[in-house]
C-alpha atoms as a PDB file:
ATOM      1  CA  MET A   1      -4.916 -23.983 -24.282  1.00  0.00           C
ATOM      2  CA  ARG A   2      -4.723 -20.959 -26.414  1.00  0.00           C
ATOM      3  CA  LEU A   3      -1.121 -19.345 -27.271  1.00  0.00           C
ATOM      4  CA  ARG A   4      -0.498 -17.030 -29.876  1.00  0.00           C
ATOM      5  CA  PRO A   5       2.753 -18.764 -32.088  1.00  0.00           C
ATOM      6  CA  GLY A   6       6.569 -17.805 -31.129  1.00  0.00           C
ATOM      7  CA  LEU A   7       6.245 -18.380 -28.054  1.00  0.00           C
ATOM      8  CA  GLY A   8       8.722 -21.209 -28.122  1.00  0.00           C
ATOM      9  CA  VAL A   9       5.862 -23.497 -26.130  1.00  0.00           C
ATOM     10  CA  ALA A  10       5.963 -26.507 -27.002  1.00  0.00           C
ATOM     11  CA  ILE A  11       3.278 -28.703 -26.166  1.00  0.00           C
ATOM     12  CA  GLY A  12       5.225 -31.622 -25.256  1.00  0.00           C
ATOM     13  CA  SER A  13       6.582 -29.291 -22.087  1.00  0.00           C
ATOM     14  CA  VAL A  14       2.476 -28.772 -20.874  1.00  0.00           C
ATOM     15  CA  VAL A  15       2.550 -30.312 -17.048  1.00  0.00           C
ATOM     16  CA  LEU A  16      -0.315 -30.508 -14.903  1.00  0.00           C
ATOM     17  CA  SER A  17      -0.274 -28.454 -12.046  1.00  0.00           C
ATOM     18  CA  ALA A  18      -1.522 -29.087  -8.515  1.00  0.00           C
ATOM     19  CA  CYS A  19      -4.832 -28.071  -7.373  1.00  0.00           C
ATOM     20  CA  THR A  20      -6.929 -28.523  -4.275  1.00  0.00           C
ATOM     21  CA  ALA A  21      -9.635 -30.944  -4.076  1.00  0.00           C
ATOM     22  CA  GLY A  22     -13.139 -29.885  -6.161  1.00  0.00           C
ATOM     23  CA  ALA A  23     -11.151 -27.338  -8.323  1.00  0.00           C
ATOM     24  CA  PRO A  24     -10.467 -27.115 -12.037  1.00  0.00           C
ATOM     25  CA  ALA A  25      -7.296 -28.454 -13.223  1.00  0.00           C
ATOM     26  CA  GLU A  26      -5.034 -25.762 -14.128  1.00  0.00           C
ATOM     27  CA  THR A  27      -2.038 -26.460 -17.290  1.00  0.00           C
ATOM     28  CA  GLU A  28       1.284 -25.018 -16.610  1.00  0.00           C
ATOM     29  CA  VAL A  29       3.577 -23.745 -19.336  1.00  0.00           C
ATOM     30  CA  PRO A  30       6.933 -22.286 -19.143  1.00  0.00           C
ATOM     31  CA  SER A  31       6.399 -18.427 -18.818  1.00  0.00           C
ATOM     32  CA  PRO A  32       6.856 -16.258 -22.279  1.00  0.00           C
ATOM     33  CA  VAL A  33       6.987 -13.358 -20.150  1.00  0.00           C
ATOM     34  CA  SER A  34       8.634 -12.023 -16.409  1.00  0.00           C
ATOM     35  CA  MET A  35       6.882 -10.248 -14.029  1.00  0.00           C
ATOM     36  CA  SER A  36       7.787  -7.686 -10.850  1.00  0.00           C
ATOM     37  CA  PHE A  37       5.395  -5.637  -8.429  1.00  0.00           C
ATOM     38  CA  LEU A  38       4.972  -2.272  -7.431  1.00  0.00           C
ATOM     39  CA  GLN A  39       2.427   0.189  -5.570  1.00  0.00           C
ATOM     40  CA  GLU A  40       2.138   3.842  -7.081  1.00  0.00           C
ATOM     41  CA  ARG A  41       2.370   6.099  -4.637  1.00  0.00           C
ATOM     42  CA  ILE A  42      -1.357   7.831  -5.415  1.00  0.00           C
ATOM     43  CA  ASP A  43      -1.940   3.674  -3.910  1.00  0.00           C
ATOM     44  CA  GLU A  44       0.171   4.179  -0.829  1.00  0.00           C
ATOM     45  CA  GLY A  45      -1.849   2.784   1.907  1.00  0.00           C
ATOM     46  CA  THR A  46      -4.838   1.123   0.423  1.00  0.00           C
ATOM     47  CA  SER A  47      -4.900  -2.821  -0.938  1.00  0.00           C
ATOM     48  CA  ARG A  48      -4.554  -1.312  -4.889  1.00  0.00           C
ATOM     49  CA  ALA A  49      -1.321  -2.563  -6.348  1.00  0.00           C
ATOM     50  CA  LYS A  50       0.253  -3.296 -10.030  1.00  0.00           C
ATOM     51  CA  LEU A  51       2.075  -6.549 -11.267  1.00  0.00           C
ATOM     52  CA  ARG A  52       4.040  -5.698 -13.963  1.00  0.00           C
ATOM     53  CA  VAL A  53       4.291  -7.629 -17.064  1.00  0.00           C
ATOM     54  CA  VAL A  54       7.549  -7.841 -19.162  1.00  0.00           C
ATOM     55  CA  ASN A  55       7.582  -9.077 -22.396  1.00  0.00           C
ATOM     56  CA  PRO A  56      10.298  -9.791 -23.990  1.00  0.00           C
ATOM     57  CA  THR A  57       9.221 -12.100 -27.297  1.00  0.00           C
ATOM     58  CA  LYS A  58       8.499 -11.245 -30.719  1.00  0.00           C
ATOM     59  CA  GLU A  59       4.672 -11.964 -30.642  1.00  0.00           C
ATOM     60  CA  GLY A  60       1.960 -10.226 -28.337  1.00  0.00           C
ATOM     61  CA  VAL A  61       0.728 -12.177 -25.343  1.00  0.00           C
ATOM     62  CA  ASP A  62      -3.122 -12.389 -24.401  1.00  0.00           C
ATOM     63  CA  VAL A  63      -3.562 -11.953 -20.613  1.00  0.00           C
ATOM     64  CA  THR A  64      -6.934 -13.044 -19.114  1.00  0.00           C
ATOM     65  CA  GLY A  65      -6.141 -13.046 -15.890  1.00  0.00           C
ATOM     66  CA  ILE A  66      -3.398 -11.714 -12.842  1.00  0.00           C
ATOM     67  CA  GLY A  67      -2.388 -12.717  -9.676  1.00  0.00           C
ATOM     68  CA  LEU A  68       0.083 -13.685  -7.233  1.00  0.00           C
ATOM     69  CA  GLN A  69       1.081 -16.680  -4.876  1.00  0.00           C
ATOM     70  CA  TRP A  70       2.516 -15.926  -2.179  1.00  0.00           C
ATOM     71  CA  PRO A  71       1.807 -16.887   1.767  1.00  0.00           C
ATOM     72  CA  GLY A  72       1.415 -13.498   3.081  1.00  0.00           C
ATOM     73  CA  TYR A  73      -1.592 -12.853   0.806  1.00  0.00           C
ATOM     74  CA  GLY A  74      -3.148 -16.421   1.768  1.00  0.00           C
ATOM     75  CA  GLY A  75      -1.330 -18.351  -0.746  1.00  0.00           C
ATOM     76  CA  ARG A  76      -2.924 -17.887  -4.552  1.00  0.00           C
ATOM     77  CA  ILE A  77      -4.678 -14.824  -5.840  1.00  0.00           C
ATOM     78  CA  LEU A  78      -5.794 -14.711  -9.683  1.00  0.00           C
ATOM     79  CA  GLU A  79      -8.019 -11.887 -10.224  1.00  0.00           C
ATOM     80  CA  PRO A  80     -10.125 -12.155 -14.120  1.00  0.00           C
ATOM     81  CA  TYR A  81      -7.967  -9.150 -16.593  1.00  0.00           C
ATOM     82  CA  GLU A  82      -8.020  -8.428 -20.177  1.00  0.00           C
ATOM     83  CA  THR A  83      -5.516  -7.448 -21.997  1.00  0.00           C
ATOM     84  CA  THR A  84      -2.596  -7.648 -24.663  1.00  0.00           C
ATOM     85  CA  VAL A  85       0.909  -7.096 -23.646  1.00  0.00           C
ATOM     86  CA  PRO A  86       2.184  -6.037 -27.081  1.00  0.00           C
ATOM     87  CA  ALA A  87       6.084  -7.399 -28.152  1.00  0.00           C
ATOM     88  CA  GLY A  88       9.113  -5.905 -26.698  1.00  0.00           C
ATOM     89  CA  GLN A  89       6.647  -4.197 -24.399  1.00  0.00           C
ATOM     90  CA  THR A  90       5.970  -3.679 -20.366  1.00  0.00           C
ATOM     91  CA  LEU A  91       2.576  -3.217 -18.868  1.00  0.00           C
ATOM     92  CA  ASP A  92       1.440  -2.382 -15.132  1.00  0.00           C
ATOM     93  CA  LEU A  93      -1.820  -4.101 -14.442  1.00  0.00           C
ATOM     94  CA  SER A  94      -3.683  -3.450 -11.756  1.00  0.00           C
ATOM     95  CA  LEU A  95      -4.972  -5.668  -8.824  1.00  0.00           C
ATOM     96  CA  VAL A  96      -6.546  -5.707  -5.418  1.00  0.00           C
ATOM     97  CA  LEU A  97      -4.602  -7.405  -2.198  1.00  0.00           C
ATOM     98  CA  PRO A  98      -6.567  -9.313  -0.119  1.00  0.00           C
ATOM     99  CA  GLU A  99      -5.869  -8.946   3.595  1.00  0.00           C
ATOM    100  CA  PRO A 100      -2.290  -9.842   4.702  1.00  0.00           C
ATOM    101  CA  VAL A 101      -1.745 -13.187   6.883  1.00  0.00           C
ATOM    102  CA  CYS A 102       0.722 -11.603   9.292  1.00  0.00           C
ATOM    103  CA  VAL A 103       2.609 -14.766   9.810  1.00  0.00           C
ATOM    104  CA  GLN A 104       6.572 -14.621   8.631  1.00  0.00           C
ATOM    105  CA  ALA A 105       6.810 -16.138   5.121  1.00  0.00           C
ATOM    106  CA  ARG A 106      10.124 -17.143   3.967  1.00  0.00           C
ATOM    107  CA  GLU A 107       9.019 -18.467   0.593  1.00  0.00           C
ATOM    108  CA  ARG A 108       9.829 -15.998  -2.782  1.00  0.00           C
ATOM    109  CA  ALA A 109       6.792 -14.689  -4.376  1.00  0.00           C
ATOM    110  CA  VAL A 110       5.263 -15.489  -7.661  1.00  0.00           C
ATOM    111  CA  GLY A 111       3.698 -13.972 -10.555  1.00  0.00           C
ATOM    112  CA  LEU A 112       0.865 -15.336 -12.073  1.00  0.00           C
ATOM    113  CA  VAL A 113      -0.876 -14.701 -15.755  1.00  0.00           C
ATOM    114  CA  GLU A 114      -3.389 -16.687 -17.367  1.00  0.00           C
ATOM    115  CA  LEU A 115      -3.072 -16.962 -20.656  1.00  0.00           C
ATOM    116  CA  SER A 116      -6.298 -18.555 -21.858  1.00  0.00           C
ATOM    117  CA  GLU A 117      -8.578 -20.638 -19.609  1.00  0.00           C
ATOM    118  CA  GLY A 118      -6.988 -23.113 -17.639  1.00  0.00           C
ATOM    119  CA  THR A 119      -3.458 -22.223 -18.661  1.00  0.00           C
ATOM    120  CA  VAL A 120      -1.274 -20.404 -16.866  1.00  0.00           C
ATOM    121  CA  VAL A 121       2.246 -18.882 -16.331  1.00  0.00           C
ATOM    122  CA  ARG A 122       3.971 -19.090 -13.669  1.00  0.00           C
ATOM    123  CA  ASP A 123       7.765 -16.392 -12.962  1.00  0.00           C
ATOM    124  CA  GLU A 124       8.911 -15.406  -9.784  1.00  0.00           C
ATOM    125  CA  LEU A 125       9.114 -11.703  -9.338  1.00  0.00           C
ATOM    126  CA  ASP A 126      12.619 -10.249  -9.931  1.00  0.00           C
ATOM    127  CA  ALA A 127      14.203  -8.779  -6.644  1.00  0.00           C
ATOM    128  CA  ALA A 128      12.802  -5.319  -6.892  1.00  0.00           C
ATOM    129  CA  GLY A 129       9.468  -6.768  -7.133  1.00  0.00           C
ATOM    130  CA  GLN A 130      10.047  -9.153  -3.781  1.00  0.00           C
ATOM    131  CA  GLU A 131      11.076  -6.337  -1.959  1.00  0.00           C
ATOM    132  CA  PHE A 132       8.191  -3.855  -2.333  1.00  0.00           C
ATOM    133  CA  LEU A 133       5.546  -6.705  -2.275  1.00  0.00           C
ATOM    134  CA  ARG A 134       6.833  -7.511   1.190  1.00  0.00           C
ATOM    135  CA  ARG A 135       7.385  -3.516   2.052  1.00  0.00           C
ATOM    136  CA  VAL A 136       3.773  -3.573   1.576  1.00  0.00           C
ATOM    137  CA  TRP A 137       3.006  -6.656   3.393  1.00  0.00           C
ATOM    138  CA  ARG A 138       4.835  -5.212   6.383  1.00  0.00           C
ATOM    139  CA  ARG A 139       3.038  -2.007   6.015  1.00  0.00           C
ATOM    140  CA  SER A 140      -0.444  -3.511   5.868  1.00  0.00           C
ATOM    141  CA  CYS A 141       0.396  -5.802   8.791  1.00  0.00           C
ATOM    142  CA  ALA A 142       1.585  -2.870  11.385  1.00  0.00           C
ATOM    143  CA  GLU A 143      -2.045  -1.018  10.452  1.00  0.00           C
ATOM    144  CA  GLN A 144      -3.925  -3.978  10.948  1.00  0.00           C
ATOM    145  CA  LEU A 145      -1.758  -4.700  14.091  1.00  0.00           C
ATOM    146  CA  VAL A 146      -2.597  -1.300  15.470  1.00  0.00           C
ATOM    147  CA  ALA A 147      -6.254  -0.777  14.391  1.00  0.00           C
ATOM    148  CA  GLU A 148      -7.114  -4.269  16.558  1.00  0.00           C
ATOM    149  CA  ARG A 149      -5.303  -2.057  19.316  1.00  0.00           C
ATOM    150  CA  VAL A 150      -5.781   1.591  18.623  1.00  0.00           C
ATOM    151  CA  ALA A 151      -7.901   4.143  16.584  1.00  0.00           C
ATOM    152  CA  LEU A 152      -6.741   7.255  15.952  1.00  0.00           C
ATOM    153  CA  GLY A 153      -8.263  10.973  15.012  1.00  0.00           C
ATOM    154  CA  TYR A 154      -8.379  14.437  14.568  1.00  0.00           C
ATOM    155  CA  GLY A 155     -10.181  16.921  17.190  1.00  0.00           C
ATOM    156  CA  GLU A 156     -13.075  18.931  15.905  1.00  0.00           C
ATOM    157  CA  THR A 157     -11.993  22.599  16.439  1.00  0.00           C
ATOM    158  CA  TRP A 158      -8.655  24.158  14.626  1.00  0.00           C
ATOM    159  CA  GLN A 159      -7.150  27.632  15.293  1.00  0.00           C
ATOM    160  CA  ARG A 160      -5.181  29.289  12.510  1.00  0.00           C
ATOM    161  CA  ARG A 161      -2.193  31.336  13.810  1.00  0.00           C
ATOM    162  CA  GLY A 162       0.320  33.570  12.447  1.00  0.00           C
ATOM    163  CA  LYS A 163       1.161  35.310   8.532  1.00  0.00           C
ATOM    164  CA  GLY A 164       2.704  33.892   5.563  1.00  0.00           C
ATOM    165  CA  ARG A 165       4.925  31.060   5.785  1.00  0.00           C
ATOM    166  CA  GLY A 166       4.972  31.768   9.789  1.00  0.00           C
ATOM    167  CA  SER A 167       1.444  30.298   9.673  1.00  0.00           C
ATOM    168  CA  SER A 168       0.069  27.107  11.786  1.00  0.00           C
ATOM    169  CA  LEU A 169      -3.154  25.537  12.257  1.00  0.00           C
ATOM    170  CA  LEU A 170      -3.298  24.088  15.527  1.00  0.00           C
ATOM    171  CA  GLY A 171      -5.675  21.220  17.065  1.00  0.00           C
ATOM    172  CA  SER A 172      -5.280  18.239  18.651  1.00  0.00           C
ATOM    173  CA  VAL A 173      -4.864  14.054  17.907  1.00  0.00           C
ATOM    174  CA  GLU A 174      -6.797  11.719  19.548  1.00  0.00           C
ATOM    175  CA  VAL A 175      -5.547   8.522  20.420  1.00  0.00           C
ATOM    176  CA  SER A 176      -8.369   5.942  21.799  1.00  0.00           C
ATOM    177  CA  ARG A 177      -7.409   2.422  23.100  1.00  0.00           C
ATOM    178  CA  ARG A 178      -9.846  -0.383  21.461  1.00  0.00           C
ATOM    179  CA  GLN A 179      -8.371  -3.442  23.474  1.00  0.00           C
ATOM    180  CA  GLY A 180      -5.473  -4.091  26.050  1.00  0.00           C
ATOM    181  CA  ASP A 181      -4.161  -2.418  28.765  1.00  0.00           C
ATOM    182  CA  ALA A 182      -0.649  -1.381  27.465  1.00  0.00           C
ATOM    183  CA  GLU A 183       1.073   2.048  27.494  1.00  0.00           C
ATOM    184  CA  ILE A 184       0.594   3.717  23.469  1.00  0.00           C
ATOM    185  CA  ARG A 185       2.607   6.234  22.842  1.00  0.00           C
ATOM    186  CA  LEU A 186       2.410   8.230  19.573  1.00  0.00           C
ATOM    187  CA  VAL A 187       6.215   8.630  19.174  1.00  0.00           C
ATOM    188  CA  GLU A 188       6.414  11.241  16.066  1.00  0.00           C
ATOM    189  CA  MET A 189       3.561  12.214  13.400  1.00  0.00           C
ATOM    190  CA  LEU A 190       5.221  12.950   9.603  1.00  0.00           C
ATOM    191  CA  GLY A 191       3.153  15.131   7.078  1.00  0.00           C
ATOM    192  CA  SER A 192       3.746  15.313   3.270  1.00  0.00           C
ATOM    193  CA  VAL A 193       5.477  17.109   0.314  1.00  0.00           C
ATOM    194  CA  LEU A 194       3.179  20.153   1.415  1.00  0.00           C
ATOM    195  CA  PHE A 195       2.620  19.920   5.494  1.00  0.00           C
ATOM    196  CA  ASP A 196       4.822  19.624   8.062  1.00  0.00           C
ATOM    197  CA  VAL A 197       3.101  17.985  11.327  1.00  0.00           C
ATOM    198  CA  ARG A 198       4.557  18.185  14.645  1.00  0.00           C
ATOM    199  CA  LEU A 199       3.179  17.567  18.428  1.00  0.00           C
ATOM    200  CA  ALA A 200       3.729  19.533  21.287  1.00  0.00           C
ATOM    201  CA  ARG A 201       5.002  17.646  23.590  1.00  0.00           C
ATOM    202  CA  PRO A 202       5.252  13.512  23.489  1.00  0.00           C
ATOM    203  CA  ALA A 203       1.631  11.887  23.620  1.00  0.00           C
ATOM    204  CA  VAL A 204       1.671   9.162  25.803  1.00  0.00           C
ATOM    205  CA  LEU A 205      -1.769   6.799  26.707  1.00  0.00           C
ATOM    206  CA  ALA A 206      -0.949   5.250  29.999  1.00  0.00           C
ATOM    207  CA  PRO A 207      -2.286   2.031  31.234  1.00  0.00           C
ATOM    208  CA  GLY A 208      -6.592   1.721  32.562  1.00  0.00           C
ATOM    209  CA  VAL A 209      -6.563   5.309  30.250  1.00  0.00           C
ATOM    210  CA  ALA A 210      -8.987   4.733  27.642  1.00  0.00           C
ATOM    211  CA  LYS A 211      -8.818   7.718  25.391  1.00  0.00           C
ATOM    212  CA  ALA A 212      -6.777  11.199  25.601  1.00  0.00           C
ATOM    213  CA  SER A 213      -6.285  14.529  22.998  1.00  0.00           C
ATOM    214  CA  PHE A 214      -2.797  15.715  22.428  1.00  0.00           C
ATOM    215  CA  PRO A 215      -1.889  19.225  20.499  1.00  0.00           C
ATOM    216  CA  VAL A 216      -0.617  18.955  17.062  1.00  0.00           C
ATOM    217  CA  SER A 217       0.062  21.051  14.843  1.00  0.00           C
ATOM    218  CA  LEU A 218       0.081  21.789  10.687  1.00  0.00           C
ATOM    219  CA  THR A 219       2.979  24.256   9.151  1.00  0.00           C
ATOM    220  CA  PRO A 220       3.341  25.127   5.054  1.00  0.00           C
ATOM    221  CA  ALA A 221       6.323  22.957   3.816  1.00  0.00           C
ATOM    222  CA  ARG A 222       6.136  24.154   0.456  1.00  0.00           C
ATOM    223  CA  CYS A 223       5.037  26.630  -1.743  1.00  0.00           C
ATOM    224  CA  ASP A 224       6.572  26.313  -4.984  1.00  0.00           C
ATOM    225  CA  GLU A 225       4.075  25.856  -8.122  1.00  0.00           C
ATOM    226  CA  HIS A 226       5.559  22.732  -8.668  1.00  0.00           C
ATOM    227  CA  ALA A 227       4.235  20.794  -5.146  1.00  0.00           C
ATOM    228  CA  LEU A 228       1.028  22.761  -4.715  1.00  0.00           C
ATOM    229  CA  GLY A 229       0.117  21.353  -8.605  1.00  0.00           C
ATOM    230  CA  GLN A 230       1.806  17.498  -8.178  1.00  0.00           C
ATOM    231  CA  SER A 231       1.280  16.483  -4.836  1.00  0.00           C
ATOM    232  CA  THR A 232      -0.585  13.102  -4.746  1.00  0.00           C
ATOM    233  CA  GLN A 233      -0.312  11.869  -1.152  1.00  0.00           C
ATOM    234  CA  THR A 234      -1.107  15.617   0.275  1.00  0.00           C
ATOM    235  CA  PHE A 235      -2.619  14.314   3.400  1.00  0.00           C
ATOM    236  CA  THR A 236      -0.981  11.088   3.465  1.00  0.00           C
ATOM    237  CA  PHE A 237       0.215  11.863   7.309  1.00  0.00           C
ATOM    238  CA  ARG A 238       1.802   8.897   9.332  1.00  0.00           C
ATOM    239  CA  ALA A 239       1.609   8.323  12.863  1.00  0.00           C
ATOM    240  CA  THR A 240       4.626   5.904  14.651  1.00  0.00           C
ATOM    241  CA  LEU A 241       3.243   4.283  17.916  1.00  0.00           C
ATOM    242  CA  GLU A 242       4.832   2.143  20.163  1.00  0.00           C
ATOM    243  CA  ILE A 243       2.608  -0.226  22.021  1.00  0.00           C
ATOM    244  CA  GLY A 244       4.238  -1.852  25.209  1.00  0.00           C
ATOM    245  CA  GLU A 245       7.575  -2.986  24.826  1.00  0.00           C
ATOM    246  CA  ALA A 246       6.538  -4.226  21.089  1.00  0.00           C
ATOM    247  CA  GLU A 247       8.459  -2.390  18.071  1.00  0.00           C
ATOM    248  CA  PRO A 248       7.346   1.087  16.998  1.00  0.00           C
ATOM    249  CA  VAL A 249       4.513   0.284  14.210  1.00  0.00           C
ATOM    250  CA  THR A 250       4.461   3.538  11.887  1.00  0.00           C
ATOM    251  CA  VAL A 251       0.437   3.773  10.256  1.00  0.00           C
ATOM    252  CA  VAL A 252      -1.286   5.988   8.271  1.00  0.00           C
ATOM    253  CA  ALA A 253      -3.267   8.635   9.856  1.00  0.00           C
ATOM    254  CA  ARG A 254      -5.469  11.125   7.398  1.00  0.00           C
ATOM    255  CA  PRO A 255      -6.902  13.877   8.129  1.00  0.00           C
ATOM    256  CA  ASP A 256     -10.903  14.622   7.934  1.00  0.00           C
ATOM    257  CA  PRO A 257     -12.691  16.574   5.914  1.00  0.00           C
ATOM    258  CA  ASN A 258     -12.996  19.253   8.052  1.00  0.00           C
ATOM    259  CA  CYS A 259      -9.244  19.362   8.851  1.00  0.00           C
ATOM    260  CA  ARG A 260      -8.376  18.774   5.211  1.00  0.00           C
ATOM    261  CA  ARG A 261     -10.226  22.135   4.398  1.00  0.00           C
ATOM    262  CA  GLN A 262      -8.906  24.111   7.222  1.00  0.00           C
ATOM    263  CA  ALA A 263      -5.676  23.278   6.164  1.00  0.00           C
ATOM    264  CA  PHE A 264      -5.982  23.971   2.342  1.00  0.00           C
ATOM    265  CA  SER A 265      -7.192  27.200   3.481  1.00  0.00           C
ATOM    266  CA  MET A 266      -4.421  28.064   5.875  1.00  0.00           C
ATOM    267  CA  LEU A 267      -1.767  26.930   3.174  1.00  0.00           C
ATOM    268  CA  TYR A 268      -3.136  28.748  -0.180  1.00  0.00           C
ATOM    269  CA  ALA A 269      -2.948  31.642   2.212  1.00  0.00           C
ATOM    270  CA  ALA A 270       0.284  31.339   3.525  1.00  0.00           C
ATOM    271  CA  CYS A 271       1.857  30.865   0.042  1.00  0.00           C
ATOM    272  CA  ARG A 272      -0.150  33.915  -1.673  1.00  0.00           C
END
């Protein structure tokens, strides 16, 4: 076990953690760091996230791996990661989440940091990290549920109408059934900082109907230089669906490249 001096970890405090059959023994030591969890806006709708590691000590902490332990993501994740968290500093370390296990998990999530081979420290995520992790998990489970039953897409044909800030791009959103026979209702679509997205009429896929298209419009939301230059989720549109009697589920519904090209063209013409 390799720890930098000054972390206040006595050899007598080392304990053996439980391990699965056939897995190498792993030692646990009191954590010199605290941990949280976050996902940057640019990563929303993906499996990319960050483990925040706070080092309050007077010595740097050498990290060789990071992860989580929580039933919502299958129990235990530990990925290789080589870095040093300097004394008194905080680093956000990138990790990739596996597919969610969509069964209610009541346990509190624990962050994992490997300090040297076979030496892993554990610390419960702080309150903000606990909530953030569950929020990402709920969204992933919602997307998984919808993906199993429904496919969302956009039509190939788009028409530009109006001029200036009154411009709009008219097209369609396509709702296709993948399994089941329940009524599917596309309740709402939300755009981004640059685009407003509106359904022209209620979008309902009746029982027994396999596929239908519904009118949708894109209009400029903002034209200021800050929004045009700094938007990181320009096409992270969201769709809220109701499947049968289930609670509404909101998922990311990104348009295809054809729609994105025409939307940008409309936007910049409108903002001139």
